[in-house]
């Protein structure tokens, strides 16, 4: 055993450094669902900055230092408060914000978000059923970003008003009518935030024979 350790110590050190890097500094997250369409597609792998908000003890949710503050509009990865599953969503509400939604229009502290460049598209559900989608650019959360609604799908398009508790964040998927987000799982405590997703690392069309989507490699979010 000692001889094996001596012969492989370089590889073991590499594994330890790699593990520390991924659990404490930077990570990547494959996206298997369409809850963030059209911003993030199924088969995208997003790069995650684990030091965007907190420095944590590796493999724990214990923060040792606050490094930055989450902002409205950030795309983040986090552990679901419902079942611990890792999710990717967009922050729409900060601690103390009053949020509401009326017929799909998001209100933050009484101000309605604006929706520009409205257009029609087709969306495939479950890989087989095609439904009409309405896409638009949502403005008012900081960085403008695309969202979509599925008018023919039954969805929760009204809620609130509600106030986001201290140290909690309200998350929504950009695919507003096909996302299990804070409307269903509740607000997310800061300790459950993993990091901020900022670029797409690689992408493959998992619904189309896993062909690489070269145009999405390295694309910013």
C-alpha atoms as a PDB file:
ATOM      1  CA  UNK A   1       0.000   0.000   0.000  1.00  0.00           C
ATOM      2  CA  UNK A   2       2.792   2.442   0.904  1.00  0.00           C
ATOM      3  CA  UNK A   3       4.568   1.667  -2.350  1.00  0.00           C
ATOM      4  CA  UNK A   4       1.322   2.274  -4.312  1.00  0.00           C
ATOM      5  CA  UNK A   5       0.874   5.624  -2.554  1.00  0.00           C
ATOM      6  CA  UNK A   6       4.444   6.651  -3.386  1.00  0.00           C
ATOM      7  CA  UNK A   7       4.047   5.657  -7.016  1.00  0.00           C
ATOM      8  CA  UNK A   8       0.733   7.496  -7.400  1.00  0.00           C
ATOM      9  CA  UNK A   9       1.205  10.474  -5.100  1.00  0.00           C
ATOM     10  CA  UNK A  10       1.299  12.926  -8.000  1.00  0.00           C
ATOM     11  CA  UNK A  11      -2.049  11.709  -9.284  1.00  0.00           C
ATOM     12  CA  UNK A  12      -3.522  11.745  -5.766  1.00  0.00           C
ATOM     13  CA  UNK A  13      -2.396  15.332  -5.216  1.00  0.00           C
ATOM     14  CA  UNK A  14      -4.008  16.257  -8.539  1.00  0.00           C
ATOM     15  CA  UNK A  15      -7.284  14.633  -7.450  1.00  0.00           C
ATOM     16  CA  UNK A  16      -7.224  16.493  -4.138  1.00  0.00           C
ATOM     17  CA  UNK A  17      -6.564  19.817  -5.830  1.00  0.00           C
ATOM     18  CA  UNK A  18      -9.228  19.135  -8.447  1.00  0.00           C
ATOM     19  CA  UNK A  19     -11.741  18.193  -5.753  1.00  0.00           C
ATOM     20  CA  UNK A  20     -10.991  21.346  -3.774  1.00  0.00           C
ATOM     21  CA  UNK A  21     -11.316  23.493  -6.887  1.00  0.00           C
ATOM     22  CA  UNK A  22     -14.690  22.060  -7.820  1.00  0.00           C
ATOM     23  CA  UNK A  23     -16.191  22.055  -4.314  1.00  0.00           C
ATOM     24  CA  UNK A  24     -14.896  25.453  -3.189  1.00  0.00           C
ATOM     25  CA  UNK A  25     -13.935  27.660  -6.142  1.00  0.00           C
ATOM     26  CA  UNK A  26     -15.520  26.780  -9.500  1.00  0.00           C
ATOM     27  CA  UNK A  27     -17.928  24.143 -10.705  1.00  0.00           C
ATOM     28  CA  UNK A  28     -19.937  23.113 -13.734  1.00  0.00           C
ATOM     29  CA  UNK A  29     -23.542  22.070 -13.769  1.00  0.00           C
ATOM     30  CA  UNK A  30     -25.274  20.024 -16.514  1.00  0.00           C
ATOM     31  CA  UNK A  31     -28.843  21.223 -17.138  1.00  0.00           C
ATOM     32  CA  UNK A  32     -31.266  18.358 -17.862  1.00  0.00           C
ATOM     33  CA  UNK A  33     -34.572  20.298 -17.980  1.00  0.00           C
ATOM     34  CA  UNK A  34     -36.093  23.196 -19.900  1.00  0.00           C
ATOM     35  CA  UNK A  35     -37.068  25.374 -16.930  1.00  0.00           C
ATOM     36  CA  UNK A  36     -34.664  28.150 -18.018  1.00  0.00           C
ATOM     37  CA  UNK A  37     -35.498  28.133 -21.727  1.00  0.00           C
ATOM     38  CA  UNK A  38     -34.754  30.042 -23.878  1.00  0.00           C
ATOM     39  CA  UNK A  39     -31.749  31.305 -21.855  1.00  0.00           C
ATOM     40  CA  UNK A  40     -30.431  27.839 -20.956  1.00  0.00           C
ATOM     41  CA  UNK A  41     -31.322  24.751 -22.967  1.00  0.00           C
ATOM     42  CA  UNK A  42     -31.437  21.094 -22.017  1.00  0.00           C
ATOM     43  CA  UNK A  43     -27.950  19.739 -22.545  1.00  0.00           C
ATOM     44  CA  UNK A  44     -26.134  22.975 -21.688  1.00  0.00           C
ATOM     45  CA  UNK A  45     -23.368  22.731 -19.082  1.00  0.00           C
ATOM     46  CA  UNK A  46     -23.045  26.006 -17.168  1.00  0.00           C
ATOM     47  CA  UNK A  47     -19.946  27.321 -15.425  1.00  0.00           C
ATOM     48  CA  UNK A  48     -20.545  28.271 -11.803  1.00  0.00           C
ATOM     49  CA  UNK A  49     -18.499  30.688  -9.696  1.00  0.00           C
ATOM     50  CA  UNK A  50     -18.702  29.262  -6.171  1.00  0.00           C
ATOM     51  CA  UNK A  51     -16.937  32.328  -4.750  1.00  0.00           C
ATOM     52  CA  UNK A  52     -19.437  34.840  -6.129  1.00  0.00           C
ATOM     53  CA  UNK A  53     -21.246  35.182  -2.799  1.00  0.00           C
ATOM     54  CA  UNK A  54     -19.595  33.131  -0.048  1.00  0.00           C
ATOM     55  CA  UNK A  55     -16.440  31.197   0.718  1.00  0.00           C
ATOM     56  CA  UNK A  56     -17.634  27.896   2.164  1.00  0.00           C
ATOM     57  CA  UNK A  57     -16.012  24.928   3.796  1.00  0.00           C
ATOM     58  CA  UNK A  58     -15.803  22.334   0.977  1.00  0.00           C
ATOM     59  CA  UNK A  59     -18.696  19.837   0.841  1.00  0.00           C
ATOM     60  CA  UNK A  60     -20.746  21.898   3.322  1.00  0.00           C
ATOM     61  CA  UNK A  61     -23.107  24.889   3.369  1.00  0.00           C
ATOM     62  CA  UNK A  62     -21.021  26.543   6.096  1.00  0.00           C
ATOM     63  CA  UNK A  63     -19.884  30.024   5.048  1.00  0.00           C
ATOM     64  CA  UNK A  64     -16.600  31.335   6.429  1.00  0.00           C
ATOM     65  CA  UNK A  65     -16.733  34.688   4.640  1.00  0.00           C
ATOM     66  CA  UNK A  66     -19.218  36.774   2.647  1.00  0.00           C
ATOM     67  CA  UNK A  67     -17.565  37.762  -0.627  1.00  0.00           C
ATOM     68  CA  UNK A  68     -20.415  39.399  -2.523  1.00  0.00           C
ATOM     69  CA  UNK A  69     -24.138  40.045  -2.559  1.00  0.00           C
ATOM     70  CA  UNK A  70     -26.639  38.312  -4.850  1.00  0.00           C
ATOM     71  CA  UNK A  71     -28.388  40.684  -7.244  1.00  0.00           C
ATOM     72  CA  UNK A  72     -31.726  40.623  -8.981  1.00  0.00           C
ATOM     73  CA  UNK A  73     -31.278  39.018 -12.363  1.00  0.00           C
ATOM     74  CA  UNK A  74     -28.390  36.737 -11.341  1.00  0.00           C
ATOM     75  CA  UNK A  75     -28.615  33.182 -12.661  1.00  0.00           C
ATOM     76  CA  UNK A  76     -27.667  30.937  -9.744  1.00  0.00           C
ATOM     77  CA  UNK A  77     -27.351  27.296  -8.789  1.00  0.00           C
ATOM     78  CA  UNK A  78     -28.696  26.258  -5.402  1.00  0.00           C
ATOM     79  CA  UNK A  79     -29.931  23.307  -3.391  1.00  0.00           C
ATOM     80  CA  UNK A  80     -33.725  23.111  -3.373  1.00  0.00           C
ATOM     81  CA  UNK A  81     -35.189  23.747   0.102  1.00  0.00           C
ATOM     82  CA  UNK A  82     -37.802  21.136  -0.782  1.00  0.00           C
ATOM     83  CA  UNK A  83     -35.635  18.074  -1.482  1.00  0.00           C
ATOM     84  CA  UNK A  84     -31.988  19.174  -1.822  1.00  0.00           C
ATOM     85  CA  UNK A  85     -31.866  18.716  -5.615  1.00  0.00           C
ATOM     86  CA  UNK A  86     -29.509  21.167  -7.356  1.00  0.00           C
ATOM     87  CA  UNK A  87     -31.445  23.677  -9.455  1.00  0.00           C
ATOM     88  CA  UNK A  88     -30.609  26.556 -11.803  1.00  0.00           C
ATOM     89  CA  UNK A  89     -32.907  29.600 -11.685  1.00  0.00           C
ATOM     90  CA  UNK A  90     -32.859  33.398 -11.783  1.00  0.00           C
ATOM     91  CA  UNK A  91     -33.022  35.587  -8.678  1.00  0.00           C
ATOM     92  CA  UNK A  92     -35.999  37.953  -8.969  1.00  0.00           C
ATOM     93  CA  UNK A  93     -36.454  38.882  -5.306  1.00  0.00           C
ATOM     94  CA  UNK A  94     -33.958  39.984  -2.635  1.00  0.00           C
ATOM     95  CA  UNK A  95     -34.506  40.044   1.137  1.00  0.00           C
ATOM     96  CA  UNK A  96     -37.197  42.603   1.939  1.00  0.00           C
ATOM     97  CA  UNK A  97     -38.563  42.853  -1.619  1.00  0.00           C
ATOM     98  CA  UNK A  98     -42.311  42.751  -2.165  1.00  0.00           C
ATOM     99  CA  UNK A  99     -43.166  40.480  -5.100  1.00  0.00           C
ATOM    100  CA  UNK A 100     -46.337  39.719  -7.011  1.00  0.00           C
ATOM    101  CA  UNK A 101     -47.345  38.305 -10.372  1.00  0.00           C
ATOM    102  CA  UNK A 102     -50.475  39.247 -12.275  1.00  0.00           C
ATOM    103  CA  UNK A 103     -51.365  37.305 -15.428  1.00  0.00           C
ATOM    104  CA  UNK A 104     -47.698  36.452 -15.928  1.00  0.00           C
ATOM    105  CA  UNK A 105     -46.400  39.994 -15.362  1.00  0.00           C
ATOM    106  CA  UNK A 106     -43.856  40.193 -12.535  1.00  0.00           C
ATOM    107  CA  UNK A 107     -44.038  43.083 -10.051  1.00  0.00           C
ATOM    108  CA  UNK A 108     -41.086  43.986  -7.806  1.00  0.00           C
ATOM    109  CA  UNK A 109     -41.734  46.540  -5.055  1.00  0.00           C
ATOM    110  CA  UNK A 110     -44.844  47.698  -6.887  1.00  0.00           C
ATOM    111  CA  UNK A 111     -43.113  48.212 -10.250  1.00  0.00           C
ATOM    112  CA  UNK A 112     -44.159  46.049 -13.200  1.00  0.00           C
ATOM    113  CA  UNK A 113     -41.423  44.510 -15.302  1.00  0.00           C
ATOM    114  CA  UNK A 114     -41.464  45.559 -18.949  1.00  0.00           C
ATOM    115  CA  UNK A 115     -41.663  43.068 -21.823  1.00  0.00           C
ATOM    116  CA  UNK A 116     -40.163  44.021 -25.185  1.00  0.00           C
ATOM    117  CA  UNK A 117     -39.543  42.209 -28.474  1.00  0.00           C
ATOM    118  CA  UNK A 118     -42.571  39.969 -27.994  1.00  0.00           C
ATOM    119  CA  UNK A 119     -42.679  37.144 -30.526  1.00  0.00           C
ATOM    120  CA  UNK A 120     -44.104  33.681 -31.152  1.00  0.00           C
ATOM    121  CA  UNK A 121     -42.176  30.410 -31.136  1.00  0.00           C
ATOM    122  CA  UNK A 122     -42.805  26.675 -30.887  1.00  0.00           C
ATOM    123  CA  UNK A 123     -41.838  24.736 -27.776  1.00  0.00           C
ATOM    124  CA  UNK A 124     -41.571  20.952 -27.434  1.00  0.00           C
ATOM    125  CA  UNK A 125     -42.710  19.423 -24.149  1.00  0.00           C
ATOM    126  CA  UNK A 126     -41.488  15.979 -23.123  1.00  0.00           C
ATOM    127  CA  UNK A 127     -39.650  15.655 -26.412  1.00  0.00           C
ATOM    128  CA  UNK A 128     -42.861  14.915 -28.316  1.00  0.00           C
ATOM    129  CA  UNK A 129     -45.642  17.507 -27.857  1.00  0.00           C
ATOM    130  CA  UNK A 130     -45.241  20.860 -29.579  1.00  0.00           C
ATOM    131  CA  UNK A 131     -47.046  23.861 -28.084  1.00  0.00           C
ATOM    132  CA  UNK A 132     -47.014  27.578 -28.951  1.00  0.00           C
ATOM    133  CA  UNK A 133     -44.742  29.817 -26.880  1.00  0.00           C
ATOM    134  CA  UNK A 134     -44.647  33.568 -26.401  1.00  0.00           C
ATOM    135  CA  UNK A 135     -41.118  34.926 -25.932  1.00  0.00           C
ATOM    136  CA  UNK A 136     -40.106  38.385 -24.788  1.00  0.00           C
ATOM    137  CA  UNK A 137     -37.225  40.363 -23.301  1.00  0.00           C
ATOM    138  CA  UNK A 138     -37.915  41.057 -19.629  1.00  0.00           C
ATOM    139  CA  UNK A 139     -36.622  44.440 -18.506  1.00  0.00           C
ATOM    140  CA  UNK A 140     -36.374  45.842 -14.990  1.00  0.00           C
ATOM    141  CA  UNK A 141     -34.422  43.229 -13.028  1.00  0.00           C
ATOM    142  CA  UNK A 142     -31.013  44.624 -13.936  1.00  0.00           C
ATOM    143  CA  UNK A 143     -29.716  42.820 -17.004  1.00  0.00           C
ATOM    144  CA  UNK A 144     -32.344  42.342 -19.719  1.00  0.00           C
ATOM    145  CA  UNK A 145     -33.015  38.666 -20.434  1.00  0.00           C
ATOM    146  CA  UNK A 146     -35.342  36.432 -22.421  1.00  0.00           C
ATOM    147  CA  UNK A 147     -38.377  34.765 -20.878  1.00  0.00           C
ATOM    148  CA  UNK A 148     -41.182  32.719 -22.338  1.00  0.00           C
ATOM    149  CA  UNK A 149     -44.741  31.715 -21.516  1.00  0.00           C
ATOM    150  CA  UNK A 150     -46.780  28.758 -22.745  1.00  0.00           C
ATOM    151  CA  UNK A 151     -50.383  30.037 -23.074  1.00  0.00           C
ATOM    152  CA  UNK A 152     -51.881  26.584 -23.703  1.00  0.00           C
ATOM    153  CA  UNK A 153     -50.333  25.089 -20.539  1.00  0.00           C
ATOM    154  CA  UNK A 154     -52.031  25.370 -17.150  1.00  0.00           C
ATOM    155  CA  UNK A 155     -49.625  27.285 -14.931  1.00  0.00           C
ATOM    156  CA  UNK A 156     -49.366  29.524 -11.875  1.00  0.00           C
ATOM    157  CA  UNK A 157     -49.389  33.030 -13.372  1.00  0.00           C
ATOM    158  CA  UNK A 158     -50.682  34.897 -10.310  1.00  0.00           C
ATOM    159  CA  UNK A 159     -49.326  35.106  -6.771  1.00  0.00           C
ATOM    160  CA  UNK A 160     -48.667  37.558  -3.956  1.00  0.00           C
ATOM    161  CA  UNK A 161     -48.057  40.140  -2.925  1.00  0.00           C
ATOM    162  CA  UNK A 162     -45.483  38.596  -0.592  1.00  0.00           C
ATOM    163  CA  UNK A 163     -42.383  39.885   1.163  1.00  0.00           C
ATOM    164  CA  UNK A 164     -39.103  37.980   0.844  1.00  0.00           C
ATOM    165  CA  UNK A 165     -37.779  37.120   4.354  1.00  0.00           C
ATOM    166  CA  UNK A 166     -34.345  38.118   5.636  1.00  0.00           C
ATOM    167  CA  UNK A 167     -31.455  36.111   4.113  1.00  0.00           C
ATOM    168  CA  UNK A 168     -33.866  34.533   1.611  1.00  0.00           C
ATOM    169  CA  UNK A 169     -34.185  34.851  -2.162  1.00  0.00           C
ATOM    170  CA  UNK A 170     -37.080  34.338  -4.555  1.00  0.00           C
ATOM    171  CA  UNK A 171     -36.258  32.347  -7.702  1.00  0.00           C
ATOM    172  CA  UNK A 172     -38.062  32.054 -11.025  1.00  0.00           C
ATOM    173  CA  UNK A 173     -37.253  30.056 -14.135  1.00  0.00           C
ATOM    174  CA  UNK A 174     -37.130  31.978 -17.408  1.00  0.00           C
ATOM    175  CA  UNK A 175     -39.521  29.384 -18.820  1.00  0.00           C
ATOM    176  CA  UNK A 176     -42.237  30.795 -16.576  1.00  0.00           C
ATOM    177  CA  UNK A 177     -44.952  28.236 -17.278  1.00  0.00           C
ATOM    178  CA  UNK A 178     -42.690  25.178 -17.022  1.00  0.00           C
ATOM    179  CA  UNK A 179     -40.512  25.728 -13.957  1.00  0.00           C
ATOM    180  CA  UNK A 180     -40.620  24.413 -10.400  1.00  0.00           C
ATOM    181  CA  UNK A 181     -39.278  27.489  -8.657  1.00  0.00           C
ATOM    182  CA  UNK A 182     -40.031  29.579  -5.552  1.00  0.00           C
ATOM    183  CA  UNK A 183     -43.721  29.615  -6.450  1.00  0.00           C
ATOM    184  CA  UNK A 184     -43.719  25.927  -5.484  1.00  0.00           C
ATOM    185  CA  UNK A 185     -40.622  25.262  -3.335  1.00  0.00           C
ATOM    186  CA  UNK A 186     -40.580  28.535  -1.396  1.00  0.00           C
ATOM    187  CA  UNK A 187     -37.829  31.086  -0.943  1.00  0.00           C
ATOM    188  CA  UNK A 188     -34.207  29.953  -0.819  1.00  0.00           C
ATOM    189  CA  UNK A 189     -31.935  30.694   2.143  1.00  0.00           C
ATOM    190  CA  UNK A 190     -28.548  32.211   1.347  1.00  0.00           C
ATOM    191  CA  UNK A 191     -26.790  29.172   2.819  1.00  0.00           C
ATOM    192  CA  UNK A 192     -28.320  27.031   0.025  1.00  0.00           C
ATOM    193  CA  UNK A 193     -26.844  29.165  -2.760  1.00  0.00           C
ATOM    194  CA  UNK A 194     -24.016  27.304  -4.514  1.00  0.00           C
ATOM    195  CA  UNK A 195     -22.824  30.024  -6.868  1.00  0.00           C
ATOM    196  CA  UNK A 196     -23.516  32.278  -9.825  1.00  0.00           C
ATOM    197  CA  UNK A 197     -23.724  30.729 -13.288  1.00  0.00           C
ATOM    198  CA  UNK A 198     -22.060  33.050 -15.785  1.00  0.00           C
ATOM    199  CA  UNK A 199     -21.231  31.157 -19.008  1.00  0.00           C
ATOM    200  CA  UNK A 200     -22.160  28.028 -20.911  1.00  0.00           C
ATOM    201  CA  UNK A 201     -19.155  25.709 -20.974  1.00  0.00           C
ATOM    202  CA  UNK A 202     -20.346  23.201 -23.584  1.00  0.00           C
ATOM    203  CA  UNK A 203     -23.702  22.206 -25.033  1.00  0.00           C
ATOM    204  CA  UNK A 204     -25.214  19.146 -26.702  1.00  0.00           C
ATOM    205  CA  UNK A 205     -28.673  18.614 -28.156  1.00  0.00           C
ATOM    206  CA  UNK A 206     -29.880  15.858 -25.837  1.00  0.00           C
ATOM    207  CA  UNK A 207     -33.180  15.709 -27.735  1.00  0.00           C
ATOM    208  CA  UNK A 208     -31.421  15.414 -31.103  1.00  0.00           C
ATOM    209  CA  UNK A 209     -28.843  12.608 -30.979  1.00  0.00           C
ATOM    210  CA  UNK A 210     -26.467  14.553 -28.694  1.00  0.00           C
ATOM    211  CA  UNK A 211     -25.058  16.682 -31.510  1.00  0.00           C
ATOM    212  CA  UNK A 212     -22.788  19.468 -30.201  1.00  0.00           C
ATOM    213  CA  UNK A 213     -24.298  22.966 -30.337  1.00  0.00           C
ATOM    214  CA  UNK A 214     -21.040  24.719 -31.161  1.00  0.00           C
ATOM    215  CA  UNK A 215     -22.603  28.174 -31.242  1.00  0.00           C
ATOM    216  CA  UNK A 216     -23.418  27.894 -27.526  1.00  0.00           C
ATOM    217  CA  UNK A 217     -19.895  26.973 -26.374  1.00  0.00           C
ATOM    218  CA  UNK A 218     -18.608  29.784 -24.146  1.00  0.00           C
ATOM    219  CA  UNK A 219     -21.759  31.905 -24.494  1.00  0.00           C
ATOM    220  CA  UNK A 220     -22.371  34.314 -21.569  1.00  0.00           C
ATOM    221  CA  UNK A 221     -25.557  34.132 -19.537  1.00  0.00           C
END
